[in-house]
Amino acid sequence: MIDDMINGGIFGMIRSGKTTLARKIAWHFWTSKNQFALVLDPKGEWWPQNCTVFRDMTEMGVGEFWKAVWEKTDCVVIADEAALTIQRDRELVPVFTMLNGRRHRFVVVGHSGTDLLPAMRQQITHLFLFRQSIEAADLWRREFADEQITQATMLAQYEYLFAARFKGSRKFYLTK
């Protein structure tokens, strides 16, 4: 389902399960492909043992995270809290367009697709969408050209839609 993921996006309302799913993705790639994870998480939550977590959101701390990302290869790179870690920063567009050249998988976690610039959203290959507002779901419906994505407005806590470009979407339930 996600083994061909290049850029993943996990979006949803608070306490919907976004970070839990990101942890599961990091663990999946560790157990199936032996890939370590580099995580930028300003909240400083718990992450699996295969993750190197960067919590410092000062310019220097964030710089250290991106330096590690560009120096390493074949990792899962996770930017949690996109409104803080990505901030629609044009200088981060290459993260979405060029990390696959370093054989990284990139996962961005946030509340809404509006946390990203259009050029960033266009690079998302796999979307994990928890409950969304009508406007937020419509943004992803248009981006993925998938009418079923509007169902994200009716999801219960821990339910999410999974959509891959050109493959349509399906509903899943997150287990802890």
C-alpha atoms as a PDB file:
ATOM      1  CA  MET A   1       0.000   0.000   0.000  1.00  0.00           C
ATOM      2  CA  ILE A   2       2.688   2.549   0.942  1.00  0.00           C
ATOM      3  CA  ASP A   3       5.890   0.855  -0.162  1.00  0.00           C
ATOM      4  CA  ASP A   4       5.995   2.951  -3.361  1.00  0.00           C
ATOM      5  CA  MET A   5       5.426   6.212  -1.443  1.00  0.00           C
ATOM      6  CA  ILE A   6       7.768   9.073  -2.299  1.00  0.00           C
ATOM      7  CA  ASN A   7       6.021  11.995  -0.581  1.00  0.00           C
ATOM      8  CA  GLY A   8       3.251  11.331   1.892  1.00  0.00           C
ATOM      9  CA  GLY A   9       0.891  13.770   3.539  1.00  0.00           C
ATOM     10  CA  ILE A  10      -1.023  13.122   6.755  1.00  0.00           C
ATOM     11  CA  PHE A  11      -3.656  15.754   7.501  1.00  0.00           C
ATOM     12  CA  GLY A  12      -6.516  15.979   9.961  1.00  0.00           C
ATOM     13  CA  MET A  13      -8.069  17.615  12.975  1.00  0.00           C
ATOM     14  CA  ILE A  14      -6.451  17.696  16.392  1.00  0.00           C
ATOM     15  CA  ARG A  15      -6.336  14.297  18.185  1.00  0.00           C
ATOM     16  CA  SER A  16      -7.396  12.415  15.057  1.00  0.00           C
ATOM     17  CA  GLY A  17      -4.348  10.114  14.998  1.00  0.00           C
ATOM     18  CA  LYS A  18      -1.953  11.906  12.629  1.00  0.00           C
ATOM     19  CA  THR A  19       1.247  11.521  14.653  1.00  0.00           C
ATOM     20  CA  THR A  20       0.345   7.960  15.638  1.00  0.00           C
ATOM     21  CA  LEU A  21       0.036   7.099  11.955  1.00  0.00           C
ATOM     22  CA  ALA A  22       3.350   8.833  11.183  1.00  0.00           C
ATOM     23  CA  ARG A  23       5.005   6.692  13.868  1.00  0.00           C
ATOM     24  CA  LYS A  24       3.498   3.565  12.322  1.00  0.00           C
ATOM     25  CA  ILE A  25       4.807   4.575   8.892  1.00  0.00           C
ATOM     26  CA  ALA A  26       8.299   5.141  10.332  1.00  0.00           C
ATOM     27  CA  TRP A  27       8.145   1.732  12.015  1.00  0.00           C
ATOM     28  CA  HIS A  28       6.837   0.048   8.840  1.00  0.00           C
ATOM     29  CA  PHE A  29       9.791   1.245   6.781  1.00  0.00           C
ATOM     30  CA  TRP A  30      12.211   0.244   9.555  1.00  0.00           C
ATOM     31  CA  THR A  31      10.864  -3.304   9.804  1.00  0.00           C
ATOM     32  CA  SER A  32      10.311  -3.853   6.072  1.00  0.00           C
ATOM     33  CA  LYS A  33      13.164  -1.870   4.463  1.00  0.00           C
ATOM     34  CA  ASN A  34      15.572  -1.182   7.359  1.00  0.00           C
ATOM     35  CA  GLN A  35      15.130   2.581   6.831  1.00  0.00           C
ATOM     36  CA  PHE A  36      15.897   4.936   9.694  1.00  0.00           C
ATOM     37  CA  ALA A  37      13.745   8.019  10.218  1.00  0.00           C
ATOM     38  CA  LEU A  38      14.678  11.653  10.728  1.00  0.00           C
ATOM     39  CA  VAL A  39      11.860  13.480  12.506  1.00  0.00           C
ATOM     40  CA  LEU A  40      11.266  17.195  13.042  1.00  0.00           C
ATOM     41  CA  ASP A  41       8.735  17.368  15.878  1.00  0.00           C
ATOM     42  CA  PRO A  42       8.344  20.628  17.804  1.00  0.00           C
ATOM     43  CA  LYS A  43       6.044  18.940  20.340  1.00  0.00           C
ATOM     44  CA  GLY A  44       8.742  16.443  21.263  1.00  0.00           C
ATOM     45  CA  GLU A  45       6.468  13.434  21.382  1.00  0.00           C
ATOM     46  CA  TRP A  46       7.606   9.808  21.683  1.00  0.00           C
ATOM     47  CA  TRP A  47       8.906   8.182  18.477  1.00  0.00           C
ATOM     48  CA  PRO A  48      10.091   4.613  17.787  1.00  0.00           C
ATOM     49  CA  GLN A  49      13.718   3.636  18.364  1.00  0.00           C
ATOM     50  CA  ASN A  50      14.600   3.867  14.661  1.00  0.00           C
ATOM     51  CA  CYS A  51      13.898   7.621  14.704  1.00  0.00           C
ATOM     52  CA  THR A  52      16.336  10.454  15.282  1.00  0.00           C
ATOM     53  CA  VAL A  53      14.122  13.239  16.595  1.00  0.00           C
ATOM     54  CA  PHE A  54      14.899  16.953  16.261  1.00  0.00           C
ATOM     55  CA  ARG A  55      12.808  19.085  18.638  1.00  0.00           C
ATOM     56  CA  ASP A  56      14.635  22.412  18.588  1.00  0.00           C
ATOM     57  CA  MET A  57      12.588  24.852  16.500  1.00  0.00           C
ATOM     58  CA  THR A  58      15.144  27.662  16.663  1.00  0.00           C
ATOM     59  CA  GLU A  59      16.708  28.570  13.335  1.00  0.00           C
ATOM     60  CA  MET A  60      19.823  26.647  14.339  1.00  0.00           C
ATOM     61  CA  GLY A  61      17.878  23.531  15.409  1.00  0.00           C
ATOM     62  CA  VAL A  62      15.777  23.424  12.250  1.00  0.00           C
ATOM     63  CA  GLY A  63      18.921  24.025  10.213  1.00  0.00           C
ATOM     64  CA  GLU A  64      20.558  20.986  11.859  1.00  0.00           C
ATOM     65  CA  PHE A  65      17.546  18.858  10.907  1.00  0.00           C
ATOM     66  CA  TRP A  66      17.628  19.876   7.223  1.00  0.00           C
ATOM     67  CA  LYS A  67      21.420  19.507   7.167  1.00  0.00           C
ATOM     68  CA  ALA A  68      21.056  15.900   8.389  1.00  0.00           C
ATOM     69  CA  VAL A  69      18.351  15.246   5.786  1.00  0.00           C
ATOM     70  CA  TRP A  70      20.545  16.432   2.898  1.00  0.00           C
ATOM     71  CA  GLU A  71      23.646  14.622   4.195  1.00  0.00           C
ATOM     72  CA  LYS A  72      21.998  11.205   4.594  1.00  0.00           C
ATOM     73  CA  THR A  73      20.343   8.879   2.093  1.00  0.00           C
ATOM     74  CA  ASP A  74      17.602   6.256   2.212  1.00  0.00           C
ATOM     75  CA  CYS A  75      15.684   7.566   5.258  1.00  0.00           C
ATOM     76  CA  VAL A  76      12.102   8.318   6.115  1.00  0.00           C
ATOM     77  CA  VAL A  77      11.963  12.078   6.704  1.00  0.00           C
ATOM     78  CA  ILE A  78       9.011  13.285   8.790  1.00  0.00           C
ATOM     79  CA  ALA A  79       8.065  16.925   9.385  1.00  0.00           C
ATOM     80  CA  ASP A  80       5.341  16.979  12.036  1.00  0.00           C
ATOM     81  CA  GLU A  81       3.211  20.070  12.687  1.00  0.00           C
ATOM     82  CA  ALA A  82       3.516  21.467   9.146  1.00  0.00           C
ATOM     83  CA  ALA A  83       2.148  24.860  10.166  1.00  0.00           C
ATOM     84  CA  LEU A  84       5.331  25.273  12.267  1.00  0.00           C
ATOM     85  CA  THR A  85       7.896  23.144  10.431  1.00  0.00           C
ATOM     86  CA  ILE A  86       7.041  23.878   6.786  1.00  0.00           C
ATOM     87  CA  GLN A  87       5.202  27.223   7.117  1.00  0.00           C
ATOM     88  CA  ARG A  88       4.579  27.488   3.367  1.00  0.00           C
ATOM     89  CA  ASP A  89       8.277  28.350   3.056  1.00  0.00           C
ATOM     90  CA  ARG A  90       9.247  28.579  -0.631  1.00  0.00           C
ATOM     91  CA  GLU A  91      12.798  27.580   0.282  1.00  0.00           C
ATOM     92  CA  LEU A  92      11.439  24.148   1.288  1.00  0.00           C
ATOM     93  CA  VAL A  93       9.891  23.342  -2.127  1.00  0.00           C
ATOM     94  CA  PRO A  94      13.057  21.356  -3.034  1.00  0.00           C
ATOM     95  CA  VAL A  95      12.314  19.069  -0.067  1.00  0.00           C
ATOM     96  CA  PHE A  96       9.162  17.975  -1.884  1.00  0.00           C
ATOM     97  CA  THR A  97      10.745  17.790  -5.326  1.00  0.00           C
ATOM     98  CA  MET A  98      14.280  16.510  -4.746  1.00  0.00           C
ATOM     99  CA  LEU A  99      14.458  14.284  -1.650  1.00  0.00           C
ATOM    100  CA  ASN A 100      13.648  11.216  -3.728  1.00  0.00           C
ATOM    101  CA  GLY A 101      17.002  11.785  -5.444  1.00  0.00           C
ATOM    102  CA  ARG A 102      18.577  10.960  -2.066  1.00  0.00           C
ATOM    103  CA  ARG A 103      16.271   7.905  -1.861  1.00  0.00           C
ATOM    104  CA  HIS A 104      14.350   9.460   1.041  1.00  0.00           C
ATOM    105  CA  ARG A 105      10.645   9.080   1.673  1.00  0.00           C
ATOM    106  CA  PHE A 106       9.147  12.328   2.918  1.00  0.00           C
ATOM    107  CA  VAL A 107       6.082  12.544   5.167  1.00  0.00           C
ATOM    108  CA  VAL A 108       4.559  15.863   6.170  1.00  0.00           C
ATOM    109  CA  VAL A 109       2.009  15.956   9.003  1.00  0.00           C
ATOM    110  CA  GLY A 110      -0.392  18.835   9.526  1.00  0.00           C
ATOM    111  CA  HIS A 111      -3.927  19.989  10.083  1.00  0.00           C
ATOM    112  CA  SER A 112      -4.710  21.279   6.602  1.00  0.00           C
ATOM    113  CA  GLY A 113      -3.348  21.213   3.084  1.00  0.00           C
ATOM    114  CA  THR A 114      -3.269  25.002   3.293  1.00  0.00           C
ATOM    115  CA  ASP A 115      -0.170  24.546   5.496  1.00  0.00           C
ATOM    116  CA  LEU A 116       1.609  23.782   2.191  1.00  0.00           C
ATOM    117  CA  LEU A 117       2.155  25.789  -0.959  1.00  0.00           C
ATOM    118  CA  PRO A 118       0.430  24.477  -4.113  1.00  0.00           C
ATOM    119  CA  ALA A 119       3.814  23.341  -5.503  1.00  0.00           C
ATOM    120  CA  MET A 120       4.264  21.238  -2.352  1.00  0.00           C
ATOM    121  CA  ARG A 121       0.772  19.707  -2.475  1.00  0.00           C
ATOM    122  CA  GLN A 122       1.320  18.720  -6.100  1.00  0.00           C
ATOM    123  CA  GLN A 123       4.254  16.531  -5.036  1.00  0.00           C
ATOM    124  CA  ILE A 124       2.280  14.479  -2.480  1.00  0.00           C
ATOM    125  CA  THR A 125       2.021  10.937  -3.883  1.00  0.00           C
ATOM    126  CA  HIS A 126       0.190   9.325  -0.960  1.00  0.00           C
ATOM    127  CA  LEU A 127      -2.417  11.071   1.168  1.00  0.00           C
ATOM    128  CA  PHE A 128      -3.666   9.958   4.570  1.00  0.00           C
ATOM    129  CA  LEU A 129      -6.631  12.161   5.338  1.00  0.00           C
ATOM    130  CA  PHE A 130      -8.325  12.182   8.731  1.00  0.00           C
ATOM    131  CA  ARG A 131     -11.463  14.248   9.402  1.00  0.00           C
ATOM    132  CA  GLN A 132     -11.401  17.517   7.470  1.00  0.00           C
ATOM    133  CA  SER A 133     -13.513  20.619   7.123  1.00  0.00           C
ATOM    134  CA  ILE A 134     -15.500  20.879   3.894  1.00  0.00           C
ATOM    135  CA  GLU A 135     -13.023  23.416   2.504  1.00  0.00           C
ATOM    136  CA  ALA A 136      -9.963  21.337   3.422  1.00  0.00           C
ATOM    137  CA  ALA A 137     -11.440  18.146   1.943  1.00  0.00           C
ATOM    138  CA  ASP A 138     -12.363  20.007  -1.231  1.00  0.00           C
ATOM    139  CA  LEU A 139      -8.781  21.213  -1.610  1.00  0.00           C
ATOM    140  CA  TRP A 140      -7.537  17.590  -1.588  1.00  0.00           C
ATOM    141  CA  ARG A 141     -10.441  16.396  -3.757  1.00  0.00           C
ATOM    142  CA  ARG A 142      -9.333  18.838  -6.448  1.00  0.00           C
ATOM    143  CA  GLU A 143      -5.643  18.049  -5.992  1.00  0.00           C
ATOM    144  CA  PHE A 144      -6.131  14.285  -6.299  1.00  0.00           C
ATOM    145  CA  ALA A 145      -9.080  14.467  -8.743  1.00  0.00           C
ATOM    146  CA  ASP A 146     -10.954  12.022  -6.504  1.00  0.00           C
ATOM    147  CA  GLU A 147     -14.560  12.747  -5.553  1.00  0.00           C
ATOM    148  CA  GLN A 148     -14.470  10.183  -2.724  1.00  0.00           C
ATOM    149  CA  ILE A 149     -12.101  12.418  -0.760  1.00  0.00           C
ATOM    150  CA  THR A 150     -15.091  14.566   0.233  1.00  0.00           C
ATOM    151  CA  GLN A 151     -16.012  11.670   2.577  1.00  0.00           C
ATOM    152  CA  ALA A 152     -13.234  12.930   4.859  1.00  0.00           C
ATOM    153  CA  THR A 153     -15.751  15.434   6.266  1.00  0.00           C
ATOM    154  CA  MET A 154     -17.682  12.560   7.877  1.00  0.00           C
ATOM    155  CA  LEU A 155     -14.884  10.426   9.344  1.00  0.00           C
ATOM    156  CA  ALA A 156     -14.897   9.419  13.005  1.00  0.00           C
ATOM    157  CA  GLN A 157     -11.867   9.791  15.261  1.00  0.00           C
ATOM    158  CA  TYR A 158      -9.012   7.513  14.081  1.00  0.00           C
ATOM    159  CA  GLU A 159     -10.649   6.839  10.714  1.00  0.00           C
ATOM    160  CA  TYR A 160      -8.790   8.053   7.657  1.00  0.00           C
ATOM    161  CA  LEU A 161      -8.924   7.941   3.909  1.00  0.00           C
ATOM    162  CA  PHE A 162      -5.891   6.714   2.057  1.00  0.00           C
ATOM    163  CA  ALA A 163      -5.431   7.991  -1.491  1.00  0.00           C
ATOM    164  CA  ALA A 164      -2.591   7.354  -3.898  1.00  0.00           C
ATOM    165  CA  ARG A 165      -2.304   9.359  -7.078  1.00  0.00           C
ATOM    166  CA  PHE A 166      -4.085   7.606  -9.943  1.00  0.00           C
ATOM    167  CA  LYS A 167      -5.412   4.825  -7.668  1.00  0.00           C
ATOM    168  CA  GLY A 168      -8.423   6.284  -5.857  1.00  0.00           C
ATOM    169  CA  SER A 169      -9.107   6.329  -2.125  1.00  0.00           C
ATOM    170  CA  ARG A 170     -10.140   3.821   0.551  1.00  0.00           C
ATOM    171  CA  LYS A 171     -11.170   4.162   4.191  1.00  0.00           C
ATOM    172  CA  PHE A 172      -9.170   2.646   7.090  1.00  0.00           C
ATOM    173  CA  TYR A 173      -9.290   2.658  10.886  1.00  0.00           C
ATOM    174  CA  LEU A 174      -6.137   3.461  12.853  1.00  0.00           C
ATOM    175  CA  THR A 175      -5.318   1.024  15.640  1.00  0.00           C
ATOM    176  CA  LYS A 176      -2.850   1.963  18.348  1.00  0.00           C
END
